[in-house]
Amino acid sequence: MLLDADLLTDTLYVALATGGEFAEVFVEDRRNQSAVLDDGRVEELSTSRTRGAGIRVVTGDTTGFAHTADLTPEGLRAAAAAAAAASRSGGSRHPVALGTGTDHQSGALVMPETVDKARKVELLRRADAAARDGGTAIQQVTARYNEGRRRIQIATSDGINTGDDQVRTLFAVSAVARGDTGLQTGRENVGRTVGFELFDQVDVADIAATAARRALLKLQARPAPSGAVPVVIGRGGGGILFHEACGHGLEADLVAKGASVFAGRMGERVASPLVTLVDDGTMDGEWGRIATDDEGHQARRNVLIQDGELTEYMWDRLRATAAGRASSGNGRRQSYRHLPMVRMTNTYVMGGTEDPDEIVAQTPYGVYVAELGGGQVNTTNGDFVFGTLEAYLIEDGRIGAPLRDANLIGNGPEVLANIDVLGNDFAMGMPGTCGKDGQGVPVGDGQPTLRVTALTVGGTAA
């Protein structure tokens, strides 16, 4: 544990001095290292470390919050007093009783900080060479290595005293190709909540080759069609669509504000009966894996939509308390300087029973999306726009010509309702950072190959 129980008990006692109903100390020790190779040169090799604590005091609808990088008893008491003053109620002080606590271990086999920097740079050079093996059309390659270790401890006036040790390792490659159509970019990244053993599981040359292949494909790509067409999304390549188009709308804070298209629809059919949507912080190794959330609640597997029916929202402590229920383990924050809020972990559509090749074969005409890019959604009505990173035309039930980058335009609930087939090839996709209200946290998403009967493609073909 980062701090002993006596010091945390004393800090909570000060935080409750003005009669707050609930107090929490969130302690964080974070270490990051990154290296970037750009055009054959090491452009960045940096290490950073931050330590501090955020202290929250809740009284009714009022929250007082203060943070400090001073983890001495004096520094913690000062921050606790500031948070208490911001949430002053004039009530009586509540007793605090903390146990010795539970400290969850990371499970990493090789701590990245124990590996020499030269080995990490060599990975970057191998990736650079593998991408350039794609041909002289590859004009620029950028490879990035990143590792992070985040140790946290949460102590609350409810008696929680728990910690987590989160180790994440990521490798990303971007390649730029030049041809008659100008410059085209392809990218690929792999990241897991594991240590340096990631590179026993994946080959950086394969990651680089995928990035280069995507860039080269776009040199010969044809304009994407425009209008509403059937869209087949390949395994793991479109989980971000469900993260953005419906995942955020199932977060209880947006539901409570009336800023979600799913507000007030518990128990209703909101998707095709084929669709079961899950948020699961317990998935071993996945990018959104946590042992506890940032409020000290154990990570859980939460089924949000079961066979098309809305069965659950995601909850943090604040919204769960207001609703008279337990947290779902979805209270997350970017750092000790931030308040927690409802956030996803690993969000995915469960697999079906169909052969993915047959899904394509039974689609006479449409678009096959191998990888979606970023997008944006209006959670109030579910409307979204997503870009494609790798897509192809489907003609006569076969995947054909590659397509230039285009947008998919649609509505989250309509997409859920218009999924008519799910493949048996479930996979998680690339790791991501989810932004919300100025905070970013690591998340994962995934899905099997699936078909949406109609999505609007914002292409440029006549």
Protein backbone atom coordinates (compact mmCIF):
# COMPACT_ATOMS: atom_id res chain seq x y z
CA MET A 1 0.00 0.00 0.00
CA LEU A 2 1.18 3.54 -0.69
CA LEU A 3 0.19 5.05 2.69
CA ASP A 4 -0.43 3.43 6.07
CA ALA A 5 -3.90 3.13 7.54
CA ASP A 6 -3.21 5.45 10.49
CA LEU A 7 -2.21 8.35 8.25
CA LEU A 8 -5.25 7.81 6.02
CA THR A 9 -7.57 7.59 9.05
CA ASP A 10 -6.20 10.88 10.36
CA THR A 11 -6.67 12.52 6.93
CA LEU A 12 -10.27 11.31 6.69
CA TYR A 13 -10.94 12.55 10.22
CA VAL A 14 -9.83 16.06 9.19
CA ALA A 15 -11.88 15.83 5.98
CA LEU A 16 -15.03 15.12 7.99
CA ALA A 17 -14.39 17.89 10.52
CA THR A 18 -17.21 20.08 9.20
CA GLY A 19 -19.74 17.26 9.18
CA GLY A 20 -19.40 15.88 5.68
CA GLU A 21 -21.39 12.76 4.90
CA PHE A 22 -18.61 11.01 2.98
CA ALA A 23 -14.88 11.48 2.56
CA GLU A 24 -12.35 9.82 0.29
CA VAL A 25 -8.58 9.91 -0.15
CA PHE A 26 -7.28 8.86 -3.56
CA VAL A 27 -3.50 8.37 -3.68
CA GLU A 28 -1.59 7.86 -6.92
CA ASP A 29 2.01 7.07 -7.86
CA ARG A 30 2.42 7.09 -11.65
CA ARG A 31 5.49 6.40 -13.77
CA ASN A 32 5.64 6.66 -17.57
CA GLN A 33 8.35 6.14 -20.15
CA SER A 34 8.08 6.73 -23.89
CA ALA A 35 10.36 6.52 -26.89
CA VAL A 36 9.66 7.76 -30.44
CA LEU A 37 11.57 6.95 -33.62
CA ASP A 38 10.65 9.30 -36.45
CA ASP A 39 12.16 8.86 -39.92
CA GLY A 40 14.97 6.71 -38.53
CA ARG A 41 15.93 9.07 -35.72
CA VAL A 42 15.16 8.82 -32.02
CA GLU A 43 13.17 12.01 -31.45
CA GLU A 44 12.02 11.36 -27.91
CA LEU A 45 13.18 9.25 -24.97
CA SER A 46 11.51 10.46 -21.81
CA THR A 47 10.58 9.30 -18.34
CA SER A 48 8.17 11.00 -15.97
CA ARG A 49 6.82 10.36 -12.49
CA THR A 50 4.00 11.99 -10.53
CA ARG A 51 2.76 11.36 -7.00
CA GLY A 52 -0.08 12.93 -5.11
CA ALA A 53 -3.48 12.63 -3.50
CA GLY A 54 -6.95 13.92 -4.23
CA ILE A 55 -9.35 14.37 -1.33
CA ARG A 56 -13.11 14.51 -1.80
CA VAL A 57 -15.79 15.43 0.74
CA VAL A 58 -19.47 15.01 -0.10
CA THR A 59 -22.36 16.65 1.73
CA GLY A 60 -25.73 16.25 0.05
CA ASP A 61 -25.39 17.59 -3.47
CA THR A 62 -22.20 19.50 -2.65
CA THR A 63 -18.72 18.10 -3.29
CA GLY A 64 -15.54 19.66 -1.96
CA PHE A 65 -12.31 18.60 -3.64
CA ALA A 66 -8.63 19.39 -3.20
CA HIS A 67 -5.45 17.75 -4.39
CA THR A 68 -1.84 17.89 -3.33
CA ALA A 69 1.55 16.54 -4.37
CA ASP A 70 2.66 16.71 -0.71
CA LEU A 71 2.02 13.30 0.85
CA THR A 72 3.36 14.26 4.28
CA PRO A 73 0.85 14.29 7.16
CA GLU A 74 0.88 18.09 7.04
CA GLY A 75 0.24 18.20 3.30
CA LEU A 76 -2.61 15.72 3.50
CA ARG A 77 -4.26 17.49 6.43
CA ALA A 78 -4.11 20.82 4.59
CA ALA A 79 -5.76 19.34 1.51
CA ALA A 80 -8.37 17.56 3.64
CA ALA A 81 -9.20 20.82 5.43
CA ALA A 82 -9.58 22.63 2.08
CA ALA A 83 -11.95 19.95 0.76
CA ALA A 84 -13.93 20.02 4.00
CA ALA A 85 -14.28 23.80 3.85
CA ALA A 86 -15.66 23.58 0.31
CA SER A 87 -18.28 21.09 1.50
CA ARG A 88 -19.08 22.69 4.85
CA SER A 89 -22.30 21.43 6.43
CA GLY A 90 -22.03 22.22 10.13
CA GLY A 91 -23.04 18.68 11.10
CA SER A 92 -21.30 16.30 13.47
CA ARG A 93 -18.10 14.43 12.65
CA HIS A 94 -18.48 10.80 11.59
CA PRO A 95 -16.21 8.05 12.98
CA VAL A 96 -13.70 6.44 10.61
CA ALA A 97 -12.45 2.86 10.84
CA LEU A 98 -10.02 1.51 8.23
CA GLY A 99 -8.60 -1.97 8.01
CA THR A 100 -5.10 -2.82 6.81
CA GLY A 101 -6.49 -2.93 3.28
CA THR A 102 -6.23 -5.05 0.15
CA ASP A 103 -3.47 -4.31 -2.35
CA HIS A 104 -4.07 -5.87 -5.78
CA GLN A 105 -0.94 -6.89 -7.68
CA SER A 106 -0.41 -6.05 -11.35
CA GLY A 107 0.25 -9.55 -12.66
CA ALA A 108 2.96 -8.22 -15.02
CA LEU A 109 5.65 -10.84 -15.62
CA VAL A 110 8.39 -8.40 -16.66
CA MET A 111 8.18 -4.89 -15.22
CA PRO A 112 9.01 -2.57 -18.14
CA GLU A 113 11.16 -0.29 -15.99
CA THR A 114 13.59 -3.19 -15.45
CA VAL A 115 14.29 -3.46 -19.20
CA ASP A 116 17.21 -1.52 -20.65
CA LYS A 117 16.27 1.45 -22.86
CA ALA A 118 18.48 0.12 -25.64
CA ARG A 119 16.15 -2.91 -26.04
CA LYS A 120 13.18 -0.60 -26.40
CA VAL A 121 14.91 1.52 -29.05
CA GLU A 122 15.86 -1.67 -30.92
CA LEU A 123 12.14 -2.56 -31.13
CA LEU A 124 11.53 0.82 -32.75
CA ARG A 125 14.30 0.28 -35.27
CA ARG A 126 12.98 -3.18 -36.17
CA ALA A 127 9.54 -1.69 -36.75
CA ASP A 128 10.98 1.09 -38.93
CA ALA A 129 12.81 -1.45 -41.10
CA ALA A 130 9.76 -3.72 -41.40
CA ALA A 131 7.52 -0.84 -42.52
CA ARG A 132 10.06 0.26 -45.16
CA ASP A 133 10.21 -3.27 -46.50
CA GLY A 134 6.79 -2.45 -47.96
CA GLY A 135 8.53 -0.64 -50.82
CA THR A 136 9.98 2.70 -51.88
CA ALA A 137 6.53 4.29 -51.77
CA ILE A 138 6.81 4.31 -47.97
CA GLN A 139 8.19 7.78 -47.35
CA GLN A 140 7.98 8.17 -43.58
CA VAL A 141 7.66 5.88 -40.58
CA THR A 142 6.98 6.85 -36.98
CA ALA A 143 7.19 4.19 -34.28
CA ARG A 144 6.26 4.79 -30.65
CA TYR A 145 6.86 2.75 -27.51
CA ASN A 146 5.09 3.61 -24.27
CA GLU A 147 5.00 2.01 -20.85
CA GLY A 148 3.15 3.08 -17.75
CA ARG A 149 2.82 1.91 -14.18
CA ARG A 150 0.04 3.40 -12.07
CA ARG A 151 -0.21 2.46 -8.41
CA ILE A 152 -3.29 3.73 -6.60
CA GLN A 153 -4.80 3.51 -3.14
CA ILE A 154 -8.32 4.52 -2.13
CA ALA A 155 -9.45 5.01 1.46
CA THR A 156 -12.96 6.18 2.36
CA SER A 157 -15.06 6.97 5.39
CA ASP A 158 -17.14 3.89 4.46
CA GLY A 159 -14.16 1.78 5.55
CA ILE A 160 -12.73 1.01 2.11
CA ASN A 161 -8.93 0.72 2.01
CA THR A 162 -7.77 -0.87 -1.22
CA GLY A 163 -5.16 -0.47 -3.92
CA ASP A 164 -4.34 -1.46 -7.47
CA ASP A 165 -1.15 -1.75 -9.51
CA GLN A 166 -1.81 -1.16 -13.22
CA VAL A 167 0.98 -1.82 -15.73
CA ARG A 168 0.36 -1.05 -19.41
CA THR A 169 2.62 -1.41 -22.43
CA LEU A 170 1.89 -0.06 -25.92
CA PHE A 171 3.56 -0.09 -29.34
CA ALA A 172 2.29 1.98 -32.28
CA VAL A 173 3.42 2.52 -35.86
CA SER A 174 2.32 5.10 -38.43
CA ALA A 175 3.47 4.90 -42.06
CA VAL A 176 3.11 7.47 -44.85
CA ALA A 177 3.13 6.39 -48.51
CA ARG A 178 3.47 8.64 -51.56
CA GLY A 179 1.88 7.95 -54.94
CA ASP A 180 -0.19 9.47 -57.72
CA THR A 181 -2.98 10.24 -55.26
CA GLY A 182 -0.61 12.13 -52.95
CA LEU A 183 0.29 11.14 -49.39
CA GLN A 184 -1.64 8.38 -47.63
CA THR A 185 -1.29 7.27 -44.01
CA GLY A 186 -1.75 3.91 -42.35
CA ARG A 187 -1.42 3.04 -38.70
CA GLU A 188 -1.60 0.14 -36.28
CA ASN A 189 -1.05 -0.18 -32.55
CA VAL A 190 -1.11 -2.92 -29.95
CA GLY A 191 -1.41 -2.32 -26.22
CA ARG A 192 -2.24 -4.48 -23.24
CA THR A 193 -2.38 -4.27 -19.47
CA VAL A 194 0.76 -6.38 -19.18
CA GLY A 195 4.48 -5.81 -18.80
CA PHE A 196 7.33 -6.10 -21.29
CA GLU A 197 6.23 -9.67 -21.96
CA LEU A 198 3.91 -8.05 -24.51
CA PHE A 199 6.73 -8.52 -27.00
CA ASP A 200 6.72 -12.26 -26.43
CA GLN A 201 3.07 -12.17 -27.55
CA VAL A 202 3.30 -9.81 -30.55
CA ASP A 203 5.91 -9.09 -33.22
CA VAL A 204 6.61 -5.39 -33.82
CA ALA A 205 7.46 -6.24 -37.44
CA ASP A 206 3.88 -7.44 -37.96
CA ILE A 207 2.52 -4.23 -36.43
CA ALA A 208 4.69 -2.15 -38.75
CA ALA A 209 3.81 -4.22 -41.81
CA THR A 210 0.11 -3.70 -41.14
CA ALA A 211 0.58 0.08 -40.90
CA ALA A 212 2.55 0.12 -44.16
CA ARG A 213 0.04 -2.11 -45.95
CA ARG A 214 -2.80 0.24 -45.02
CA ALA A 215 -0.92 3.24 -46.36
CA LEU A 216 -0.04 1.47 -49.61
CA LEU A 217 -3.59 0.22 -50.15
CA LYS A 218 -4.89 3.76 -50.07
CA LEU A 219 -2.63 4.73 -52.98
CA GLN A 220 -4.79 2.51 -55.22
CA ALA A 221 -8.08 3.04 -53.40
CA ARG A 222 -11.16 4.19 -55.23
CA PRO A 223 -13.70 6.71 -53.93
CA ALA A 224 -16.15 5.25 -51.44
CA PRO A 225 -19.81 5.10 -52.47
CA SER A 226 -22.17 7.67 -51.03
CA GLY A 227 -25.57 6.94 -49.56
CA ALA A 228 -27.15 4.24 -47.43
CA VAL A 229 -25.68 0.76 -48.03
CA PRO A 230 -25.20 -2.46 -46.04
CA VAL A 231 -22.00 -2.29 -44.00
CA VAL A 232 -20.04 -5.30 -42.73
CA ILE A 233 -17.62 -4.48 -39.91
CA GLY A 234 -14.72 -6.88 -39.40
CA ARG A 235 -13.86 -8.47 -36.05
CA GLY A 236 -12.37 -6.06 -33.55
CA GLY A 237 -12.32 -3.25 -36.09
CA GLY A 238 -15.51 -1.47 -35.08
CA GLY A 239 -15.84 -1.74 -31.32
CA ILE A 240 -15.26 2.00 -31.05
CA LEU A 241 -18.60 2.50 -32.80
CA PHE A 242 -20.42 0.85 -29.89
CA HIS A 243 -18.22 2.57 -27.32
CA GLU A 244 -19.17 5.97 -28.69
CA ALA A 245 -22.60 5.45 -30.24
CA CYS A 246 -24.22 3.67 -27.30
CA GLY A 247 -21.67 3.13 -24.51
CA HIS A 248 -21.57 6.77 -23.40
CA GLY A 249 -25.34 6.91 -23.49
CA LEU A 250 -25.41 4.13 -20.88
CA GLU A 251 -23.34 6.08 -18.34
CA ALA A 252 -25.53 7.00 -15.39
CA ASP A 253 -24.38 10.63 -15.13
CA LEU A 254 -25.52 11.36 -18.69
CA VAL A 255 -28.73 9.42 -18.06
CA ALA A 256 -29.44 11.47 -14.92
CA LYS A 257 -28.93 14.72 -16.86
CA GLY A 258 -31.34 13.62 -19.56
CA ALA A 259 -28.41 13.80 -22.00
CA SER A 260 -28.79 10.20 -23.13
CA VAL A 261 -31.06 8.70 -25.76
CA PHE A 262 -31.35 5.67 -23.42
CA ALA A 263 -32.71 7.61 -20.42
CA GLY A 264 -35.89 6.09 -19.00
CA ARG A 265 -35.72 3.04 -21.24
CA MET A 266 -34.68 0.35 -18.75
CA GLY A 267 -36.32 -2.96 -19.66
CA GLU A 268 -37.16 -1.83 -23.20
CA ARG A 269 -35.98 -3.35 -26.48
CA VAL A 270 -33.24 -0.99 -27.66
CA ALA A 271 -31.34 -3.26 -30.07
CA SER A 272 -31.64 -6.27 -32.31
CA PRO A 273 -32.34 -9.43 -30.25
CA LEU A 274 -28.94 -10.67 -31.49
CA VAL A 275 -27.12 -7.96 -29.54
CA THR A 276 -25.68 -8.39 -26.05
CA LEU A 277 -23.51 -5.44 -24.99
CA VAL A 278 -21.11 -5.81 -22.05
CA ASP A 279 -18.74 -3.54 -20.13
CA ASP A 280 -16.13 -5.65 -18.35
CA GLY A 281 -13.24 -4.27 -16.31
CA THR A 282 -12.08 -7.78 -15.36
CA MET A 283 -10.83 -8.89 -18.82
CA ASP A 284 -7.28 -10.12 -18.27
CA GLY A 285 -4.70 -8.17 -20.22
CA GLU A 286 -7.14 -5.88 -22.04
CA TRP A 287 -6.42 -2.14 -22.16
CA GLY A 288 -9.33 -1.19 -19.89
CA ARG A 289 -8.52 -3.89 -17.29
CA ILE A 290 -8.65 -2.79 -13.65
CA ALA A 291 -8.84 -4.67 -10.36
CA THR A 292 -10.69 -1.83 -8.66
CA ASP A 293 -12.12 1.38 -10.02
CA ASP A 294 -10.82 4.75 -8.86
CA GLU A 295 -13.31 4.81 -5.98
CA GLY A 296 -12.17 1.47 -4.55
CA HIS A 297 -15.00 -0.66 -5.89
CA GLN A 298 -14.14 -4.02 -7.37
CA ALA A 299 -14.18 -4.21 -11.18
CA ARG A 300 -17.17 -6.09 -12.56
CA ARG A 301 -18.60 -7.58 -15.71
CA ASN A 302 -21.78 -5.58 -16.38
CA VAL A 303 -24.26 -6.73 -19.01
CA LEU A 304 -25.80 -3.50 -20.32
CA ILE A 305 -27.98 -4.88 -23.12
CA GLN A 306 -29.11 -8.51 -23.02
CA ASP A 307 -30.58 -10.01 -26.19
CA GLY A 308 -31.59 -6.52 -27.31
CA GLU A 309 -33.13 -5.42 -23.99
CA LEU A 310 -31.65 -2.61 -21.89
CA THR A 311 -30.78 -4.22 -18.55
CA GLU A 312 -28.26 -1.94 -16.83
CA TYR A 313 -26.49 1.40 -16.79
CA MET A 314 -22.93 2.04 -15.60
CA TRP A 315 -22.58 3.69 -12.18
CA ASP A 316 -20.08 5.49 -9.99
CA ARG A 317 -20.61 6.03 -6.27
CA LEU A 318 -22.23 9.46 -6.50
CA ARG A 319 -24.94 8.42 -8.98
CA ALA A 320 -25.42 5.01 -7.41
CA THR A 321 -25.97 6.54 -3.97
CA ALA A 322 -28.54 8.95 -5.38
CA ALA A 323 -30.36 6.00 -6.97
CA GLY A 324 -30.17 3.88 -3.80
CA ARG A 325 -28.06 1.14 -5.34
CA ALA A 326 -24.45 -0.09 -5.48
CA SER A 327 -21.72 1.16 -7.79
CA SER A 328 -21.04 -1.00 -10.83
CA GLY A 329 -17.27 -0.38 -10.58
CA ASN A 330 -17.24 2.33 -13.25
CA GLY A 331 -15.98 5.31 -11.23
CA ARG A 332 -12.78 6.38 -12.98
CA ARG A 333 -10.52 9.44 -13.10
CA GLN A 334 -7.54 10.54 -15.13
CA SER A 335 -5.31 11.27 -12.14
CA TYR A 336 -5.30 12.32 -8.50
CA ARG A 337 -5.96 15.88 -9.71
CA HIS A 338 -9.41 14.91 -11.03
CA LEU A 339 -12.76 13.92 -9.58
CA PRO A 340 -14.10 10.49 -10.56
CA MET A 341 -16.98 10.13 -12.99
CA VAL A 342 -18.82 7.30 -14.72
CA ARG A 343 -16.57 5.77 -17.38
CA MET A 344 -16.38 2.61 -19.46
CA THR A 345 -13.63 -0.04 -19.16
CA ASN A 346 -13.73 -2.74 -21.88
CA THR A 347 -16.98 -2.44 -23.84
CA TYR A 348 -17.95 -5.00 -26.44
CA VAL A 349 -20.68 -6.76 -28.39
CA MET A 350 -20.65 -10.50 -27.72
CA GLY A 351 -20.07 -12.96 -30.54
CA GLY A 352 -22.72 -14.78 -32.53
CA THR A 353 -22.83 -18.05 -34.45
CA GLU A 354 -22.33 -17.19 -38.13
CA ASP A 355 -19.26 -17.85 -40.28
CA PRO A 356 -17.75 -14.41 -41.03
CA ASP A 357 -16.98 -15.40 -44.63
CA GLU A 358 -20.63 -16.28 -45.13
CA ILE A 359 -21.68 -12.87 -43.83
CA VAL A 360 -19.73 -11.26 -46.67
CA ALA A 361 -20.88 -13.87 -49.20
CA GLN A 362 -24.52 -13.11 -48.32
CA THR A 363 -24.02 -9.37 -48.90
CA PRO A 364 -24.40 -8.70 -52.66
CA TYR A 365 -23.28 -5.08 -52.41
CA GLY A 366 -22.00 -2.86 -49.63
CA VAL A 367 -18.92 -1.74 -47.74
CA TYR A 368 -16.58 -3.89 -45.65
CA VAL A 369 -14.89 -1.92 -42.85
CA ALA A 370 -11.76 -3.61 -41.52
CA GLU A 371 -10.89 -0.76 -39.14
CA LEU A 372 -12.79 2.28 -37.97
CA GLY A 373 -11.07 5.48 -36.92
CA GLY A 374 -12.17 8.17 -34.51
CA GLY A 375 -15.59 9.72 -34.38
CA GLN A 376 -18.03 11.80 -32.44
CA VAL A 377 -21.52 11.25 -31.07
CA ASN A 378 -24.37 13.33 -29.73
CA THR A 379 -25.42 11.25 -26.73
CA THR A 380 -28.72 13.10 -26.44
CA ASN A 381 -30.07 11.73 -29.72
CA GLY A 382 -27.49 9.07 -30.61
CA ASP A 383 -26.36 10.61 -33.93
CA PHE A 384 -22.73 9.84 -34.82
CA VAL A 385 -20.02 10.25 -37.45
CA PHE A 386 -17.02 7.88 -37.70
CA GLY A 387 -14.11 7.79 -40.11
CA THR A 388 -12.78 4.62 -41.74
CA LEU A 389 -9.10 3.65 -41.58
CA GLU A 390 -9.36 0.59 -43.83
CA ALA A 391 -12.39 -0.27 -45.94
CA TYR A 392 -13.30 -2.16 -49.12
CA LEU A 393 -16.17 -2.38 -51.54
CA ILE A 394 -18.29 -5.54 -51.40
CA GLU A 395 -19.48 -6.65 -54.86
CA ASP A 396 -21.26 -9.92 -55.65
CA GLY A 397 -20.61 -11.20 -52.14
CA ARG A 398 -16.83 -10.71 -52.32
CA ILE A 399 -14.47 -8.19 -50.77
CA GLY A 400 -13.12 -6.13 -53.65
CA ALA A 401 -11.36 -2.83 -54.23
CA PRO A 402 -9.98 -0.81 -51.31
CA LEU A 403 -11.77 2.45 -50.63
CA ARG A 404 -10.49 5.87 -49.73
CA ASP A 405 -11.17 7.10 -46.24
CA ALA A 406 -14.82 8.00 -45.76
CA ASN A 407 -17.30 8.67 -42.98
CA LEU A 408 -20.01 6.42 -41.60
CA ILE A 409 -23.01 8.47 -40.53
CA GLY A 410 -25.85 7.08 -38.47
CA ASN A 411 -27.73 6.84 -35.21
CA GLY A 412 -26.71 4.57 -32.33
CA PRO A 413 -30.11 3.05 -31.50
CA GLU A 414 -30.85 2.56 -35.20
CA VAL A 415 -27.54 0.77 -35.74
CA LEU A 416 -28.24 -1.50 -32.77
CA ALA A 417 -31.66 -2.31 -34.21
CA ASN A 418 -30.32 -2.90 -37.74
CA ILE A 419 -27.67 -5.51 -36.89
CA ASP A 420 -28.99 -8.60 -38.66
CA VAL A 421 -26.11 -11.08 -38.25
CA LEU A 422 -23.18 -11.64 -35.85
CA GLY A 423 -20.08 -13.70 -36.58
CA ASN A 424 -18.48 -16.34 -34.38
CA ASP A 425 -15.08 -14.61 -34.50
CA PHE A 426 -15.19 -12.14 -31.57
CA ALA A 427 -12.03 -10.06 -31.03
CA MET A 428 -11.02 -6.99 -29.10
CA GLY A 429 -9.70 -4.07 -31.11
CA MET A 430 -6.90 -1.54 -30.76
CA PRO A 431 -6.39 0.13 -27.36
CA GLY A 432 -7.88 3.57 -26.90
CA THR A 433 -8.05 6.61 -24.68
CA CYS A 434 -11.58 7.79 -23.97
CA GLY A 435 -12.07 11.50 -23.49
CA LYS A 436 -14.91 12.90 -21.42
CA ASP A 437 -15.24 16.29 -19.73
CA GLY A 438 -11.53 16.95 -20.21
CA GLN A 439 -10.36 13.63 -18.75
CA GLY A 440 -8.80 10.69 -20.60
CA VAL A 441 -8.71 7.09 -19.38
CA PRO A 442 -7.57 3.84 -21.07
CA VAL A 443 -10.39 1.75 -22.55
CA GLY A 444 -10.84 -1.28 -24.76
CA ASP A 445 -13.59 -2.26 -27.16
CA GLY A 446 -14.41 -5.13 -29.47
CA GLN A 447 -16.98 -7.06 -31.48
CA PRO A 448 -17.31 -9.98 -33.89
CA THR A 449 -17.79 -9.54 -37.61
CA LEU A 450 -21.29 -8.13 -38.00
CA ARG A 451 -23.57 -6.59 -40.60
CA VAL A 452 -25.66 -3.44 -40.32
CA THR A 453 -28.43 -3.56 -42.92
CA ALA A 454 -28.00 0.12 -43.80
CA LEU A 455 -25.54 2.86 -42.83
CA THR A 456 -24.96 6.14 -44.61
CA VAL A 457 -21.50 6.27 -46.16
CA GLY A 458 -20.19 9.76 -46.78
CA GLY A 459 -18.08 8.87 -49.79
CA THR A 460 -17.29 10.85 -52.94
CA ALA A 461 -18.14 8.36 -55.70
CA ALA A 462 -20.77 9.62 -58.12
